[in-house]
Protein backbone atom coordinates (compact mmCIF):
# COMPACT_ATOMS: atom_id res chain seq x y z
CA GLY A 1 2.96 -3.47 5.53
CA HIS A 2 5.71 -5.45 8.15
CA GLY A 3 4.97 -7.00 11.43
CA GLY A 4 6.46 -9.20 14.21
CA LYS A 5 10.26 -9.43 13.75
CA ASP A 6 10.24 -6.53 10.85
CA PRO A 7 8.75 -3.31 12.36
CA GLY A 8 9.60 -1.22 9.14
CA ALA A 9 10.65 2.81 9.67
CA LYS A 10 10.53 4.10 12.99
CA GLY A 11 9.96 7.80 14.67
CA PRO A 12 9.42 10.44 16.74
CA TYR A 13 6.64 10.22 19.20
CA GLY A 14 6.91 6.72 19.43
CA VAL A 15 5.56 5.38 16.16
CA VAL A 16 6.29 2.18 14.24
CA GLU A 17 4.71 1.86 10.86
CA LYS A 18 4.21 -1.68 11.58
CA ALA A 19 1.74 -0.80 13.72
CA LEU A 20 0.34 2.58 12.36
CA THR A 21 0.15 0.35 8.54
CA LEU A 22 -1.83 -2.58 10.61
CA ASP A 23 -4.70 0.26 12.68
CA ILE A 24 -5.12 1.67 9.62
CA SER A 25 -5.15 -1.41 7.77
CA LEU A 26 -7.92 -2.71 9.93
CA ARG A 27 -9.65 0.41 10.11
CA VAL A 28 -9.82 -0.04 5.87
CA ALA A 29 -11.49 -3.58 6.06
CA ARG A 30 -13.84 -2.47 8.40
CA LYS A 31 -15.36 0.13 6.43
CA LEU A 32 -15.24 -2.00 3.14
CA ARG A 33 -17.67 -4.44 5.15
CA ASP A 34 -19.72 -2.90 7.02
CA ARG A 35 -20.74 0.19 4.34
CA LEU A 36 -20.05 -1.98 0.60
CA GLY A 37 -20.42 -5.89 2.19
CA PHE A 38 -16.51 -6.43 0.32
CA ASP A 39 -15.16 -10.03 1.06
CA VAL A 40 -11.97 -8.71 3.25
CA THR A 41 -8.88 -10.82 3.69
CA MET A 42 -6.03 -9.41 5.68
CA THR A 43 -2.39 -10.60 5.30
CA ARG A 44 -2.17 -10.26 9.36
CA GLN A 45 -4.24 -9.20 11.53
CA THR A 46 -1.92 -9.62 14.61
CA ASP A 47 1.45 -7.75 14.99
CA GLU A 48 2.92 -10.89 13.19
CA TYR A 49 5.57 -11.27 10.27
CA VAL A 50 4.54 -12.34 6.59
CA THR A 51 6.77 -12.95 4.16
CA LEU A 52 6.09 -10.67 0.92
CA GLY A 53 5.77 -14.85 -0.86
CA ARG A 54 3.19 -15.68 1.70
CA ARG A 55 1.38 -12.12 1.28
CA LYS A 56 1.39 -12.65 -2.31
CA ASP A 57 0.30 -16.12 -1.70
CA VAL A 58 -2.87 -15.33 -0.23
CA ALA A 59 -4.24 -12.62 -2.48
CA ASN A 60 -3.13 -15.01 -6.18
CA ARG A 61 -5.09 -18.09 -3.73
CA ILE A 62 -8.48 -16.10 -3.05
CA GLU A 63 -8.21 -14.59 -6.15
CA ALA A 64 -8.48 -10.91 -5.20
CA ASP A 65 -9.53 -8.53 -7.20
CA LEU A 66 -7.43 -5.89 -5.52
CA PHE A 67 -4.27 -5.95 -3.53
CA VAL A 68 -3.35 -3.04 -1.50
CA SER A 69 -0.23 -2.84 0.74
CA ILE A 70 -0.07 -0.07 3.18
CA HIS A 71 3.17 1.77 4.32
CA ALA A 72 5.00 4.71 6.00
CA ASN A 73 7.56 6.06 4.33
CA ALA A 74 11.25 7.62 6.03
CA ALA A 75 13.79 9.78 5.10
CA LYS A 76 17.09 10.81 5.32
CA ASN A 77 16.05 14.13 5.22
CA ARG A 78 13.56 15.24 7.95
CA ARG A 79 11.49 17.65 5.96
CA ALA A 80 10.63 15.33 3.30
CA ARG A 81 6.42 15.00 3.60
CA GLY A 82 3.67 13.93 1.60
CA ILE A 83 1.07 11.33 0.29
CA GLU A 84 2.59 9.03 -2.44
CA THR A 85 1.07 5.90 -4.57
CA TYR A 86 2.79 3.19 -5.82
CA TYR A 87 1.99 0.57 -9.15
CA LEU A 88 4.73 -2.17 -10.11
CA LYS A 89 7.10 -1.22 -12.36
CA ASN A 90 10.84 -1.01 -12.87
CA THR A 91 12.68 2.66 -12.49
CA ASN A 92 15.99 4.40 -12.60
CA ASP A 93 14.41 7.17 -9.98
CA ARG A 94 17.01 6.90 -6.61
CA ALA A 95 13.97 7.67 -4.32
CA THR A 96 11.86 5.30 -5.56
CA LEU A 97 14.71 3.03 -5.09
CA ARG A 98 15.75 3.72 -2.18
CA LEU A 99 12.58 3.20 -0.68
CA ALA A 100 11.70 -0.44 -2.46
CA HIS A 101 15.14 -1.18 -0.69
CA LEU A 102 13.89 0.07 2.81
CA GLU A 103 10.73 -2.31 1.85
CA ASN A 104 11.86 -4.91 0.29
CA GLY A 105 15.42 -5.00 2.30
CA VAL A 106 14.03 -6.84 5.04
CA GLU A 107 13.27 -10.30 3.20
CA SER A 108 17.46 -10.66 2.14
CA LEU A 109 17.86 -9.80 5.84
CA ILE A 110 16.63 -12.69 7.24
CA GLY A 111 15.78 -14.85 4.59
CA GLY A 112 12.26 -14.71 3.77
CA ASP A 113 11.01 -16.35 0.86
CA VAL A 114 9.95 -14.03 -2.47
CA SER A 115 8.78 -16.04 -5.04
CA THR A 116 6.99 -19.52 -4.70
CA ASP A 117 5.99 -22.36 -7.19
CA ALA A 118 2.65 -20.65 -8.08
CA ASP A 119 4.60 -17.70 -9.32
CA LEU A 120 7.39 -19.44 -10.99
CA SER A 121 4.51 -21.80 -12.84
CA TYR A 122 2.51 -18.41 -13.64
CA ILE A 123 3.35 -17.13 -16.98
CA LEU A 124 1.30 -13.77 -18.02
CA SER A 125 0.76 -13.34 -21.74
CA ASP A 126 1.42 -10.17 -22.61
CA ILE A 127 -1.82 -9.09 -22.72
CA ILE A 128 -2.77 -10.03 -19.34
CA GLN A 129 0.49 -7.94 -18.38
CA GLY A 130 -0.78 -4.47 -19.86
CA GLN A 131 -4.34 -5.24 -18.48
CA LYS A 132 -2.96 -5.66 -14.76
CA GLU A 133 -0.78 -2.43 -15.08
CA ALA A 134 -3.32 -0.61 -16.44
CA ASP A 135 -5.72 -1.52 -13.47
CA SER A 136 -3.10 -0.63 -11.06
CA ILE A 137 -2.55 2.97 -12.26
CA ARG A 138 -6.11 3.66 -12.31
CA ALA A 139 -6.36 1.64 -8.52
CA ALA A 140 -3.34 3.66 -7.76
CA ARG A 141 -4.67 7.38 -8.53
CA HIS A 142 -8.15 6.37 -7.76
CA LEU A 143 -6.40 5.69 -4.13
CA GLN A 144 -4.12 8.51 -4.09
CA SER A 145 -6.09 11.39 -5.22
CA SER A 146 -9.26 9.93 -3.27
CA VAL A 147 -6.66 10.17 0.30
CA VAL A 148 -5.34 13.52 -0.44
CA SER A 149 -8.94 14.90 -1.18
CA THR A 150 -10.06 13.20 2.10
CA MET A 151 -7.18 14.88 4.12
CA LYS A 152 -6.34 17.97 2.33
CA PRO A 153 -9.71 19.97 4.15
CA ARG A 154 -8.74 19.69 7.80
CA TYR A 155 -4.93 19.52 7.13
CA SER A 156 -4.25 22.28 4.21
CA GLU A 157 -0.65 21.21 4.05
CA ILE A 158 -0.38 17.89 2.83
CA SER A 159 1.79 17.28 -0.32
CA ASP A 160 0.66 15.25 -3.00
CA LEU A 161 3.22 13.51 -4.17
CA GLY A 162 1.41 11.21 -6.50
CA VAL A 163 1.65 8.39 -8.46
CA LYS A 164 4.82 6.78 -9.38
CA GLN A 165 6.39 3.56 -10.47
CA GLY A 166 8.62 0.83 -8.30
CA PRO A 167 10.68 -2.55 -8.22
CA PHE A 168 8.27 -3.59 -4.98
CA LEU A 169 8.37 -7.25 -4.60
CA VAL A 170 5.07 -7.32 -2.74
CA LEU A 171 3.61 -6.19 -5.40
CA ASP A 172 5.31 -8.76 -7.62
CA GLY A 173 3.58 -11.68 -8.61
CA THR A 174 0.26 -10.49 -7.83
CA TYR A 175 -2.02 -11.74 -10.70
CA MET A 176 -4.68 -8.72 -10.04
CA ALA A 177 -3.87 -4.93 -9.88
CA ALA A 178 -1.82 -4.45 -7.01
CA VAL A 179 -0.41 -1.14 -5.45
CA LEU A 180 0.82 0.36 -2.64
CA VAL A 181 0.39 3.17 -0.63
CA GLU A 182 2.55 5.56 1.29
CA VAL A 183 0.92 7.51 3.64
CA GLY A 184 3.42 9.85 5.30
CA PHE A 185 6.54 10.13 6.06
CA ILE A 186 7.20 8.84 10.49
CA SER A 187 11.19 10.50 9.61
CA ASN A 188 8.97 13.84 9.97
CA THR A 189 8.36 15.61 13.01
CA THR A 190 5.08 16.58 12.01
CA GLU A 191 3.91 13.91 10.16
CA ALA A 192 4.45 11.61 12.46
CA LYS A 193 2.69 13.17 15.28
CA ARG A 194 -0.28 13.03 13.02
CA LEU A 195 0.18 9.56 11.93
CA SER A 196 0.12 8.74 16.21
CA SER A 197 -3.04 10.27 16.28
CA SER A 198 -6.41 8.10 16.12
CA THR A 199 -8.24 11.15 14.25
CA TYR A 200 -5.81 11.17 12.03
CA ARG A 201 -5.22 7.32 11.26
CA GLU A 202 -8.57 7.10 10.65
CA ALA A 203 -8.87 10.62 8.09
CA VAL A 204 -5.97 8.18 6.22
CA ALA A 205 -8.50 5.33 6.46
CA GLU A 206 -11.89 7.09 4.98
CA GLY A 207 -10.11 8.20 2.31
CA LEU A 208 -8.39 4.91 1.36
CA TYR A 209 -11.52 3.70 1.65
CA LYS A 210 -13.26 6.09 -0.48
CA GLY A 211 -10.05 5.42 -3.15
CA ILE A 212 -11.35 1.31 -3.22
CA GLU A 213 -15.00 2.27 -3.90
CA ARG A 214 -14.69 4.43 -6.85
CA TYR A 215 -12.40 1.70 -7.91
CA PHE A 216 -14.40 -0.34 -8.10
CA GLN A 217 -17.15 2.10 -9.26
CA ASP A 218 -14.86 2.94 -12.07
CA ASP A 219 -14.60 -0.94 -13.28
CA ARG A 220 -18.46 -1.18 -13.19
CA THR A 221 -18.78 1.68 -15.41
CA ALA A 222 -16.19 0.73 -17.71
CA LEU A 223 -17.94 -2.91 -17.87
CA LEU A 224 -21.20 -1.01 -18.47
CA ARG A 225 -19.26 0.77 -21.23
């Protein structure tokens, strides 16, 4: 998530969302390639700004099987903490709408494109839309449970905020299952300190890797039934 002129959220201990999410993403990609031989495409590999529309275009062009957007949360309530995973769907929940505005907002502020001709010409049937949502929910559940279960043994007070739905622009227009993972609140002093640690980010990456692995294992099992 984020990058370049879009830093994302900022927290204590010098934690900046764009830097820690890139670090975690690179770790996850390396694990998927080395352990499973997966073909992983990153929307960015350095500190560069990539529009949300461009991120979706990359995933759609290569016909990806899964789109994972990694972020860190922030809230006015400094006690807010925990891990949560989202799939695309409208909601009336005020906290989710605030978060979506936080993650989406820079596009309107700096004039980023959020749709392309490909998006506009691609019309999903009800059946395909339903399958994409079902796959996204399944992926979100696997990633959420895997990250939490990986972190819990060492960090017992980790808060599992669960799987939720939200209007995130980066997930809208992808042709495949798509999820957005918030790996913690950098506005929370304790979580910001942990996220500043390479050891903690490695544990988060391991959890994300396991969740992705389980999603595809589940997918293969379903195909064999």
